[in-house]
Each structure stands twice: as structure tokens, then as C-alpha cells.
Amino acid sequence: MIKILALVVVAALTGYTLHVLAQARIDTRAAVTPIVSSSSNGVSFAWFYDPAERTVYACRAGQGGADTVECKAKTALP
């Protein structure tokens, strides 16, 4: 009788453990969200929103493939 009761308890705990592990979810939100981009005369601009910091970034890429992206402009939203 005790063996059967122990088996039922172990089975119940195993089921509960599997249920708890199945509930774990990983938050996979993007760090920044692109808002819009524009380009004129070989210079490109893009705006990004960071929901964690409630901040908007303005980035610029110049002419040519060797230019790097500059994200110097930044403002926090209220």
C-alpha cells in the first residue's frame, strides 16, 4: 500500500514539475524597433525606438560603402 502511495506521489510531483517547466517563456522582443527611414543625395537616415528606455535614435549613413552608421542624436520621450 505504501509503495502504491509513494508511486502516486512521485507521479504527481513529476507531472507538476513538467507543467512548471513548460510555463517558462523567454522574452524575445527586439532591442530597438525601426520607425522610418529616408534617403536623399546618397545620405540615408533611419529612426529607431527603444521601448525599454523610451528613447528615439536618429542614425545617419553617408555616401559610399565604407562609411559607418552614426547614431548621435537621441531624445527621451516623456
PDB file of N, CA and C in Angstrom:
ATOM      1  N   MET A   1       0.818  -1.197   0.000  1.00  0.00           N
ATOM      2  CA  MET A   1       0.000   0.000   0.000  1.00  0.00           C
ATOM      3  C   MET A   1       0.865   1.267   0.000  1.00  0.00           C
ATOM      4  N   ILE A   2       1.932   1.250   0.804  1.00  0.00           N
ATOM      5  CA  ILE A   2       2.813   2.418   0.882  1.00  0.00           C
ATOM      6  C   ILE A   2       3.551   2.612  -0.437  1.00  0.00           C
ATOM      7  N   LYS A   3       3.894   1.498  -1.102  1.00  0.00           N
ATOM      8  CA  LYS A   3       4.587   1.595  -2.379  1.00  0.00           C
ATOM      9  C   LYS A   3       3.686   2.261  -3.426  1.00  0.00           C
ATOM     10  N   ILE A   4       2.426   1.903  -3.421  1.00  0.00           N
ATOM     11  CA  ILE A   4       1.487   2.486  -4.377  1.00  0.00           C
ATOM     12  C   ILE A   4       1.297   3.975  -4.088  1.00  0.00           C
ATOM     13  N   LEU A   5       1.173   4.313  -2.814  1.00  0.00           N
ATOM     14  CA  LEU A   5       1.017   5.729  -2.430  1.00  0.00           C
ATOM     15  C   LEU A   5       2.262   6.526  -2.814  1.00  0.00           C
ATOM     16  N   ALA A   6       3.443   5.968  -2.591  1.00  0.00           N
ATOM     17  CA  ALA A   6       4.694   6.644  -2.966  1.00  0.00           C
ATOM     18  C   ALA A   6       4.775   6.821  -4.477  1.00  0.00           C
ATOM     19  N   LEU A   7       4.347   5.814  -5.236  1.00  0.00           N
ATOM     20  CA  LEU A   7       4.351   5.900  -6.691  1.00  0.00           C
ATOM     21  C   LEU A   7       3.398   6.987  -7.180  1.00  0.00           C
ATOM     22  N   VAL A   8       2.228   7.100  -6.566  1.00  0.00           N
ATOM     23  CA  VAL A   8       1.260   8.134  -6.949  1.00  0.00           C
ATOM     24  C   VAL A   8       1.818   9.527  -6.638  1.00  0.00           C
ATOM     25  N   VAL A   9       2.457   9.689  -5.483  1.00  0.00           N
ATOM     26  CA  VAL A   9       3.035  10.982  -5.109  1.00  0.00           C
ATOM     27  C   VAL A   9       4.159  11.364  -6.068  1.00  0.00           C
ATOM     28  N   VAL A  10       5.026  10.423  -6.403  1.00  0.00           N
ATOM     29  CA  VAL A  10       6.119  10.686  -7.343  1.00  0.00           C
ATOM     30  C   VAL A  10       5.561  11.057  -8.715  1.00  0.00           C
ATOM     31  N   ALA A  11       4.539  10.352  -9.170  1.00  0.00           N
ATOM     32  CA  ALA A  11       3.936  10.658 -10.464  1.00  0.00           C
ATOM     33  C   ALA A  11       3.306  12.053 -10.458  1.00  0.00           C
ATOM     34  N   ALA A  12       2.633  12.423  -9.360  1.00  0.00           N
ATOM     35  CA  ALA A  12       2.019  13.743  -9.262  1.00  0.00           C
ATOM     36  C   ALA A  12       3.085  14.843  -9.257  1.00  0.00           C
ATOM     37  N   LEU A  13       4.155  14.631  -8.507  1.00  0.00           N
ATOM     38  CA  LEU A  13       5.232  15.623  -8.474  1.00  0.00           C
ATOM     39  C   LEU A  13       5.936  15.745  -9.825  1.00  0.00           C
ATOM     40  N   THR A  14       6.097  14.645 -10.513  1.00  0.00           N
ATOM     41  CA  THR A  14       6.706  14.679 -11.843  1.00  0.00           C
ATOM     42  C   THR A  14       5.829  15.458 -12.821  1.00  0.00           C
ATOM     43  N   GLY A  15       4.533  15.217 -12.779  1.00  0.00           N
ATOM     44  CA  GLY A  15       3.611  15.952 -13.634  1.00  0.00           C
ATOM     45  C   GLY A  15       3.616  17.434 -13.331  1.00  0.00           C
ATOM     46  N   TYR A  16       3.642  17.788 -12.059  1.00  0.00           N
ATOM     47  CA  TYR A  16       3.660  19.200 -11.664  1.00  0.00           C
ATOM     48  C   TYR A  16       4.964  19.853 -12.119  1.00  0.00           C
ATOM     49  N   THR A  17       6.084  19.152 -11.991  1.00  0.00           N
ATOM     50  CA  THR A  17       7.378  19.684 -12.421  1.00  0.00           C
ATOM     51  C   THR A  17       7.387  19.941 -13.921  1.00  0.00           C
ATOM     52  N   LEU A  18       6.876  18.997 -14.695  1.00  0.00           N
ATOM     53  CA  LEU A  18       6.802  19.202 -16.145  1.00  0.00           C
ATOM     54  C   LEU A  18       5.890  20.372 -16.499  1.00  0.00           C
ATOM     55  N   HIS A  19       4.806  20.537 -15.775  1.00  0.00           N
ATOM     56  CA  HIS A  19       3.894  21.658 -16.008  1.00  0.00           C
ATOM     57  C   HIS A  19       4.584  22.986 -15.730  1.00  0.00           C
ATOM     58  N   VAL A  20       5.337  23.081 -14.626  1.00  0.00           N
ATOM     59  CA  VAL A  20       6.037  24.316 -14.269  1.00  0.00           C
ATOM     60  C   VAL A  20       7.110  24.641 -15.303  1.00  0.00           C
ATOM     61  N   LEU A  21       7.865  23.644 -15.732  1.00  0.00           N
ATOM     62  CA  LEU A  21       8.917  23.885 -16.724  1.00  0.00           C
ATOM     63  C   LEU A  21       8.337  24.287 -18.073  1.00  0.00           C
ATOM     64  N   ALA A  22       7.167  23.800 -18.414  1.00  0.00           N
ATOM     65  CA  ALA A  22       6.549  24.146 -19.690  1.00  0.00           C
ATOM     66  C   ALA A  22       6.034  25.578 -19.702  1.00  0.00           C
ATOM     67  N   GLN A  23       5.828  26.181 -18.545  1.00  0.00           N
ATOM     68  CA  GLN A  23       5.302  27.539 -18.472  1.00  0.00           C
ATOM     69  C   GLN A  23       6.372  28.609 -18.670  1.00  0.00           C
ATOM     70  N   ALA A  24       7.645  28.264 -18.579  1.00  0.00           N
ATOM     71  CA  ALA A  24       8.722  29.249 -18.710  1.00  0.00           C
ATOM     72  C   ALA A  24       8.754  29.784 -20.132  1.00  0.00           C
ATOM     73  N   ARG A  25       8.745  31.088 -20.252  1.00  0.00           N
ATOM     74  CA  ARG A  25       8.801  31.738 -21.565  1.00  0.00           C
ATOM     75  C   ARG A  25       9.918  32.762 -21.550  1.00  0.00           C
ATOM     76  N   ILE A  26      10.607  32.872 -22.661  1.00  0.00           N
ATOM     77  CA  ILE A  26      11.693  33.835 -22.793  1.00  0.00           C
ATOM     78  C   ILE A  26      11.164  35.041 -23.561  1.00  0.00           C
ATOM     79  N   ASP A  27      11.430  36.233 -23.048  1.00  0.00           N
ATOM     80  CA  ASP A  27      11.002  37.464 -23.709  1.00  0.00           C
ATOM     81  C   ASP A  27      11.952  37.745 -24.869  1.00  0.00           C
ATOM     82  N   THR A  28      11.432  37.720 -26.089  1.00  0.00           N
ATOM     83  CA  THR A  28      12.273  37.873 -27.271  1.00  0.00           C
ATOM     84  C   THR A  28      11.962  39.147 -28.037  1.00  0.00           C
ATOM     85  N   ARG A  29      11.673  40.222 -27.319  1.00  0.00           N
ATOM     86  CA  ARG A  29      11.409  41.485 -28.008  1.00  0.00           C
ATOM     87  C   ARG A  29      12.700  42.062 -28.570  1.00  0.00           C
ATOM     88  N   ALA A  30      12.583  42.785 -29.649  1.00  0.00           N
ATOM     89  CA  ALA A  30      13.746  43.438 -30.243  1.00  0.00           C
ATOM     90  C   ALA A  30      14.223  44.563 -29.338  1.00  0.00           C
ATOM     91  N   ALA A  31      15.520  44.796 -29.352  1.00  0.00           N
ATOM     92  CA  ALA A  31      16.084  45.859 -28.518  1.00  0.00           C
ATOM     93  C   ALA A  31      15.593  47.217 -28.990  1.00  0.00           C
ATOM     94  N   VAL A  32      15.615  47.447 -30.267  1.00  0.00           N
ATOM     95  CA  VAL A  32      15.089  48.687 -30.840  1.00  0.00           C
ATOM     96  C   VAL A  32      14.175  48.340 -32.000  1.00  0.00           C
ATOM     97  N   THR A  33      13.207  49.206 -32.235  1.00  0.00           N
ATOM     98  CA  THR A  33      12.238  48.996 -33.306  1.00  0.00           C
ATOM     99  C   THR A  33      12.436  50.071 -34.368  1.00  0.00           C
ATOM    100  N   PRO A  34      12.618  49.696 -35.629  1.00  0.00           N
ATOM    101  CA  PRO A  34      12.749  50.720 -36.666  1.00  0.00           C
ATOM    102  C   PRO A  34      11.425  51.456 -36.862  1.00  0.00           C
ATOM    103  N   ILE A  35      11.505  52.768 -36.965  1.00  0.00           N
ATOM    104  CA  ILE A  35      10.299  53.576 -37.162  1.00  0.00           C
ATOM    105  C   ILE A  35      10.140  53.908 -38.641  1.00  0.00           C
ATOM    106  N   VAL A  36      11.149  54.602 -39.191  1.00  0.00           N
ATOM    107  CA  VAL A  36      11.078  55.021 -40.586  1.00  0.00           C
ATOM    108  C   VAL A  36      12.499  55.286 -41.075  1.00  0.00           C
ATOM    109  N   SER A  37      12.668  55.297 -42.381  1.00  0.00           N
ATOM    110  CA  SER A  37      13.967  55.644 -42.959  1.00  0.00           C
ATOM    111  C   SER A  37      13.744  56.505 -44.192  1.00  0.00           C
ATOM    112  N   SER A  38      14.759  57.295 -44.523  1.00  0.00           N
ATOM    113  CA  SER A  38      14.685  58.121 -45.724  1.00  0.00           C
ATOM    114  C   SER A  38      16.083  58.297 -46.283  1.00  0.00           C
ATOM    115  N   SER A  39      16.150  58.704 -47.551  1.00  0.00           N
ATOM    116  CA  SER A  39      17.440  58.856 -48.204  1.00  0.00           C
ATOM    117  C   SER A  39      17.341  59.972 -49.224  1.00  0.00           C
ATOM    118  N   SER A  40      18.419  60.752 -49.326  1.00  0.00           N
ATOM    119  CA  SER A  40      18.465  61.842 -50.296  1.00  0.00           C
ATOM    120  C   SER A  40      19.919  62.145 -50.613  1.00  0.00           C
ATOM    121  N   ASN A  41      20.238  62.249 -51.882  1.00  0.00           N
ATOM    122  CA  ASN A  41      21.590  62.586 -52.346  1.00  0.00           C
ATOM    123  C   ASN A  41      22.651  61.662 -51.743  1.00  0.00           C
ATOM    124  N   GLY A  42      22.352  60.402 -51.600  1.00  0.00           N
ATOM    125  CA  GLY A  42      23.321  59.430 -51.120  1.00  0.00           C
ATOM    126  C   GLY A  42      23.498  59.383 -49.613  1.00  0.00           C
ATOM    127  N   VAL A  43      22.745  60.167 -48.878  1.00  0.00           N
ATOM    128  CA  VAL A  43      22.817  60.140 -47.420  1.00  0.00           C
ATOM    129  C   VAL A  43      21.517  59.542 -46.904  1.00  0.00           C
ATOM    130  N   SER A  44      21.621  58.521 -46.053  1.00  0.00           N
ATOM    131  CA  SER A  44      20.439  57.833 -45.542  1.00  0.00           C
ATOM    132  C   SER A  44      20.250  58.130 -44.063  1.00  0.00           C
ATOM    133  N   PHE A  45      19.012  58.270 -43.665  1.00  0.00           N
ATOM    134  CA  PHE A  45      18.651  58.481 -42.273  1.00  0.00           C
ATOM    135  C   PHE A  45      17.673  57.394 -41.849  1.00  0.00           C
ATOM    136  N   ALA A  46      17.770  56.972 -40.594  1.00  0.00           N
ATOM    137  CA  ALA A  46      16.833  55.988 -40.046  1.00  0.00           C
ATOM    138  C   ALA A  46      16.540  56.367 -38.603  1.00  0.00           C
ATOM    139  N   TRP A  47      15.297  56.160 -38.193  1.00  0.00           N
ATOM    140  CA  TRP A  47      14.891  56.458 -36.828  1.00  0.00           C
ATOM    141  C   TRP A  47      14.487  55.159 -36.146  1.00  0.00           C
ATOM    142  N   PHE A  48      14.949  54.986 -34.927  1.00  0.00           N
ATOM    143  CA  PHE A  48      14.681  53.782 -34.156  1.00  0.00           C
ATOM    144  C   PHE A  48      14.103  54.154 -32.797  1.00  0.00           C
ATOM    145  N   TYR A  49      13.236  53.292 -32.268  1.00  0.00           N
ATOM    146  CA  TYR A  49      12.619  53.495 -30.950  1.00  0.00           C
ATOM    147  C   TYR A  49      13.033  52.366 -30.029  1.00  0.00           C
ATOM    148  N   ASP A  50      13.529  52.730 -28.828  1.00  0.00           N
ATOM    149  CA  ASP A  50      13.908  51.756 -27.802  1.00  0.00           C
ATOM    150  C   ASP A  50      12.843  51.782 -26.714  1.00  0.00           C
ATOM    151  N   PRO A  51      11.951  50.769 -26.657  1.00  0.00           N
ATOM    152  CA  PRO A  51      10.862  50.798 -25.676  1.00  0.00           C
ATOM    153  C   PRO A  51      11.340  50.643 -24.232  1.00  0.00           C
ATOM    154  N   ALA A  52      12.490  50.024 -24.014  1.00  0.00           N
ATOM    155  CA  ALA A  52      12.985  49.841 -22.643  1.00  0.00           C
ATOM    156  C   ALA A  52      13.367  51.174 -22.015  1.00  0.00           C
ATOM    157  N   GLU A  53      13.958  52.074 -22.821  1.00  0.00           N
ATOM    158  CA  GLU A  53      14.376  53.378 -22.314  1.00  0.00           C
ATOM    159  C   GLU A  53      13.462  54.506 -22.767  1.00  0.00           C
ATOM    160  N   ARG A  54      12.440  54.182 -23.562  1.00  0.00           N
ATOM    161  CA  ARG A  54      11.527  55.176 -24.128  1.00  0.00           C
ATOM    162  C   ARG A  54      12.319  56.277 -24.825  1.00  0.00           C
ATOM    163  N   THR A  55      13.217  55.856 -25.720  1.00  0.00           N
ATOM    164  CA  THR A  55      14.140  56.764 -26.395  1.00  0.00           C
ATOM    165  C   THR A  55      14.050  56.567 -27.900  1.00  0.00           C
ATOM    166  N   VAL A  56      14.185  57.678 -28.635  1.00  0.00           N
ATOM    167  CA  VAL A  56      14.219  57.642 -30.090  1.00  0.00           C
ATOM    168  C   VAL A  56      15.630  58.008 -30.544  1.00  0.00           C
ATOM    169  N   TYR A  57      16.180  57.213 -31.479  1.00  0.00           N
ATOM    170  CA  TYR A  57      17.510  57.458 -32.020  1.00  0.00           C
ATOM    171  C   TYR A  57      17.388  57.831 -33.490  1.00  0.00           C
ATOM    172  N   ALA A  58      18.181  58.814 -33.924  1.00  0.00           N
ATOM    173  CA  ALA A  58      18.273  59.184 -35.334  1.00  0.00           C
ATOM    174  C   ALA A  58      19.665  58.806 -35.807  1.00  0.00           C
ATOM    175  N   CYS A  59      19.733  57.967 -36.839  1.00  0.00           N
ATOM    176  CA  CYS A  59      21.022  57.478 -37.332  1.00  0.00           C
ATOM    177  C   CYS A  59      21.219  57.932 -38.770  1.00  0.00           C
ATOM    178  N   ARG A  60      22.507  58.123 -39.139  1.00  0.00           N
ATOM    179  CA  ARG A  60      22.847  58.593 -40.482  1.00  0.00           C
ATOM    180  C   ARG A  60      23.938  57.718 -41.058  1.00  0.00           C
ATOM    181  N   ALA A  61      23.802  57.388 -42.327  1.00  0.00           N
ATOM    182  CA  ALA A  61      24.844  56.679 -43.072  1.00  0.00           C
ATOM    183  C   ALA A  61      25.172  57.529 -44.290  1.00  0.00           C
ATOM    184  N   GLY A  62      26.451  57.840 -44.456  1.00  0.00           N
ATOM    185  CA  GLY A  62      26.868  58.720 -45.542  1.00  0.00           C
ATOM    186  C   GLY A  62      27.022  58.007 -46.859  1.00  0.00           C
ATOM    187  N   GLN A  63      27.617  58.723 -47.829  1.00  0.00           N
ATOM    188  CA  GLN A  63      27.808  58.178 -49.165  1.00  0.00           C
ATOM    189  C   GLN A  63      28.930  57.147 -49.145  1.00  0.00           C
ATOM    190  N   GLY A  64      28.838  56.177 -50.022  1.00  0.00           N
ATOM    191  CA  GLY A  64      29.877  55.155 -50.139  1.00  0.00           C
ATOM    192  C   GLY A  64      29.666  54.011 -49.169  1.00  0.00           C
ATOM    193  N   GLY A  65      30.238  52.875 -49.499  1.00  0.00           N
ATOM    194  CA  GLY A  65      30.070  51.691 -48.668  1.00  0.00           C
ATOM    195  C   GLY A  65      30.974  51.666 -47.444  1.00  0.00           C
ATOM    196  N   ALA A  66      32.031  52.494 -47.420  1.00  0.00           N
ATOM    197  CA  ALA A  66      32.983  52.452 -46.313  1.00  0.00           C
ATOM    198  C   ALA A  66      32.523  53.287 -45.114  1.00  0.00           C
ATOM    199  N   ASP A  67      31.526  54.129 -45.304  1.00  0.00           N
ATOM    200  CA  ASP A  67      31.059  54.967 -44.207  1.00  0.00           C
ATOM    201  C   ASP A  67      30.355  54.139 -43.145  1.00  0.00           C
ATOM    202  N   THR A  68      30.544  54.526 -41.907  1.00  0.00           N
ATOM    203  CA  THR A  68      29.875  53.834 -40.814  1.00  0.00           C
ATOM    204  C   THR A  68      28.572  54.528 -40.487  1.00  0.00           C
ATOM    205  N   VAL A  69      27.745  53.845 -39.740  1.00  0.00           N
ATOM    206  CA  VAL A  69      26.464  54.405 -39.306  1.00  0.00           C
ATOM    207  C   VAL A  69      26.699  55.195 -38.022  1.00  0.00           C
ATOM    208  N   GLU A  70      26.219  56.435 -37.992  1.00  0.00           N
ATOM    209  CA  GLU A  70      26.352  57.294 -36.813  1.00  0.00           C
ATOM    210  C   GLU A  70      24.981  57.485 -36.186  1.00  0.00           C
ATOM    211  N   CYS A  71      24.871  57.182 -34.897  1.00  0.00           N
ATOM    212  CA  CYS A  71      23.619  57.369 -34.159  1.00  0.00           C
ATOM    213  C   CYS A  71      23.892  58.316 -32.980  1.00  0.00           C
ATOM    214  N   LYS A  72      24.123  59.583 -33.282  1.00  0.00           N
ATOM    215  CA  LYS A  72      24.478  60.546 -32.246  1.00  0.00           C
ATOM    216  C   LYS A  72      23.248  61.232 -31.663  1.00  0.00           C
ATOM    217  N   ALA A  73      22.235  61.455 -32.465  1.00  0.00           N
ATOM    218  CA  ALA A  73      21.045  62.166 -31.995  1.00  0.00           C
ATOM    219  C   ALA A  73      20.148  61.200 -31.214  1.00  0.00           C
ATOM    220  N   LYS A  74      19.723  61.628 -30.041  1.00  0.00           N
ATOM    221  CA  LYS A  74      18.908  60.769 -29.170  1.00  0.00           C
ATOM    222  C   LYS A  74      18.037  61.660 -28.309  1.00  0.00           C
ATOM    223  N   THR A  75      16.789  61.266 -28.124  1.00  0.00           N
ATOM    224  CA  THR A  75      15.901  62.015 -27.249  1.00  0.00           C
ATOM    225  C   THR A  75      15.015  61.059 -26.477  1.00  0.00           C
ATOM    226  N   ALA A  76      14.770  61.387 -25.221  1.00  0.00           N
ATOM    227  CA  ALA A  76      13.912  60.550 -24.369  1.00  0.00           C
ATOM    228  C   ALA A  76      12.485  61.069 -24.439  1.00  0.00           C
ATOM    229  N   LEU A  77      11.542  60.176 -24.513  1.00  0.00           N
ATOM    230  CA  LEU A  77      10.126  60.550 -24.555  1.00  0.00           C
ATOM    231  C   LEU A  77       9.589  60.685 -23.135  1.00  0.00           C
ATOM    232  N   PRO A  78       8.612  61.557 -22.953  1.00  0.00           N
ATOM    233  CA  PRO A  78       8.040  61.720 -21.599  1.00  0.00           C
ATOM    234  C   PRO A  78       7.252  60.510 -21.162  1.00  0.00           C
TER     235      PRO A  78
END
